[in-house]
Amino acid sequence: MAVYNELQLSSFIDQVFERLRGIEAQLAILSEKAGVPYEAPSQTVPPEVLELVQRGDRMGAMRKYRELTGCGMADAQETIAKL
């Protein structure tokens, strides 16, 4: 079993997020060409929340999302899970 340090894990997470951004961009292009509306989950989330998610702080992101939107925990969990 491999053991990774914090810097290595952070690098892997950054790579995953970069790949996901590329996939999301491609999905938007394909949806547009197919005439199917597509709204990326990240378009409806405040930038402060996205930053927390990108740093790997999903709990902090849920708290911030609830603080900014006034939604309940279930809605916050669902929104953050989509990111």
Protein backbone atom coordinates (compact mmCIF):
# COMPACT_ATOMS: atom_id res chain seq x y z
CA MET A 1 0.00 0.00 0.00
CA ALA A 2 1.39 3.37 -1.02
CA VAL A 3 1.68 6.18 1.47
CA TYR A 4 1.37 9.75 0.21
CA ASN A 5 2.30 12.96 1.93
CA GLU A 6 0.08 16.03 2.03
CA LEU A 7 1.81 17.69 -0.92
CA GLN A 8 1.39 14.62 -3.12
CA LEU A 9 -2.28 14.28 -2.19
CA SER A 10 -2.86 17.96 -2.85
CA SER A 11 -1.26 17.58 -6.27
CA PHE A 12 -3.46 14.57 -7.09
CA ILE A 13 -6.58 16.45 -6.02
CA ASP A 14 -5.59 19.44 -8.15
CA GLN A 15 -5.16 17.11 -11.13
CA VAL A 16 -8.59 15.56 -10.57
CA PHE A 17 -10.27 18.96 -10.35
CA GLU A 18 -8.50 20.15 -13.50
CA ARG A 19 -9.67 17.05 -15.34
CA LEU A 20 -13.23 17.55 -14.09
CA ARG A 21 -13.22 21.16 -15.29
CA GLY A 22 -12.21 19.92 -18.74
CA ILE A 23 -14.93 17.29 -18.75
CA GLU A 24 -17.51 19.83 -17.66
CA ALA A 25 -16.42 22.19 -20.45
CA GLN A 26 -16.78 19.40 -23.00
CA LEU A 27 -20.20 18.50 -21.64
CA ALA A 28 -21.34 22.10 -22.05
CA ILE A 29 -20.13 22.13 -25.68
CA LEU A 30 -21.83 18.83 -26.48
CA SER A 31 -25.05 19.93 -24.83
CA GLU A 32 -25.05 23.16 -26.83
CA LYS A 33 -24.50 21.30 -30.10
CA ALA A 34 -27.27 18.83 -29.24
CA GLY A 35 -29.64 21.68 -28.36
CA VAL A 36 -30.00 20.45 -24.80
CA PRO A 37 -29.79 23.08 -22.08
CA TYR A 38 -26.96 22.49 -19.62
CA GLU A 39 -26.26 24.41 -16.46
CA ALA A 40 -23.05 23.44 -14.75
CA PRO A 41 -23.56 22.93 -11.02
CA SER A 42 -20.69 25.31 -10.34
CA GLN A 43 -22.55 28.17 -12.09
CA THR A 44 -25.13 28.42 -9.33
CA VAL A 45 -22.73 28.23 -6.39
CA PRO A 46 -21.06 31.27 -4.82
CA PRO A 47 -17.31 31.54 -5.53
CA GLU A 48 -16.45 31.29 -1.83
CA VAL A 49 -18.12 27.88 -1.69
CA LEU A 50 -16.35 26.68 -4.84
CA GLU A 51 -13.02 27.70 -3.36
CA LEU A 52 -13.68 25.63 -0.25
CA VAL A 53 -14.64 22.61 -2.35
CA GLN A 54 -11.51 22.96 -4.47
CA ARG A 55 -9.41 23.03 -1.30
CA GLY A 56 -11.06 19.80 -0.21
CA ASP A 57 -13.07 21.36 2.62
CA ARG A 58 -16.48 19.93 1.79
CA MET A 59 -17.87 20.44 5.31
CA GLY A 60 -16.75 24.06 5.28
CA ALA A 61 -18.32 24.44 1.84
CA MET A 62 -21.64 23.11 3.12
CA ARG A 63 -21.56 25.48 6.10
CA LYS A 64 -20.72 28.47 3.87
CA TYR A 65 -23.39 27.50 1.32
CA ARG A 66 -26.00 27.28 4.09
CA GLU A 67 -24.85 30.61 5.52
CA LEU A 68 -25.06 32.37 2.15
CA THR A 69 -28.28 30.80 0.88
CA GLY A 70 -30.24 30.01 4.01
CA CYS A 71 -30.94 26.48 2.76
CA GLY A 72 -31.12 23.37 4.91
CA MET A 73 -28.45 20.75 5.45
CA ALA A 74 -29.94 18.27 2.95
CA ASP A 75 -29.97 20.88 0.17
CA ALA A 76 -26.41 21.92 0.98
CA GLN A 77 -25.20 18.31 0.93
CA GLU A 78 -26.89 17.68 -2.40
CA THR A 79 -25.45 20.84 -3.97
CA ILE A 80 -21.90 20.22 -2.73
CA ALA A 81 -22.05 16.57 -3.83
CA LYS A 82 -22.72 17.72 -7.40
CA LEU A 83 -19.50 19.76 -7.50
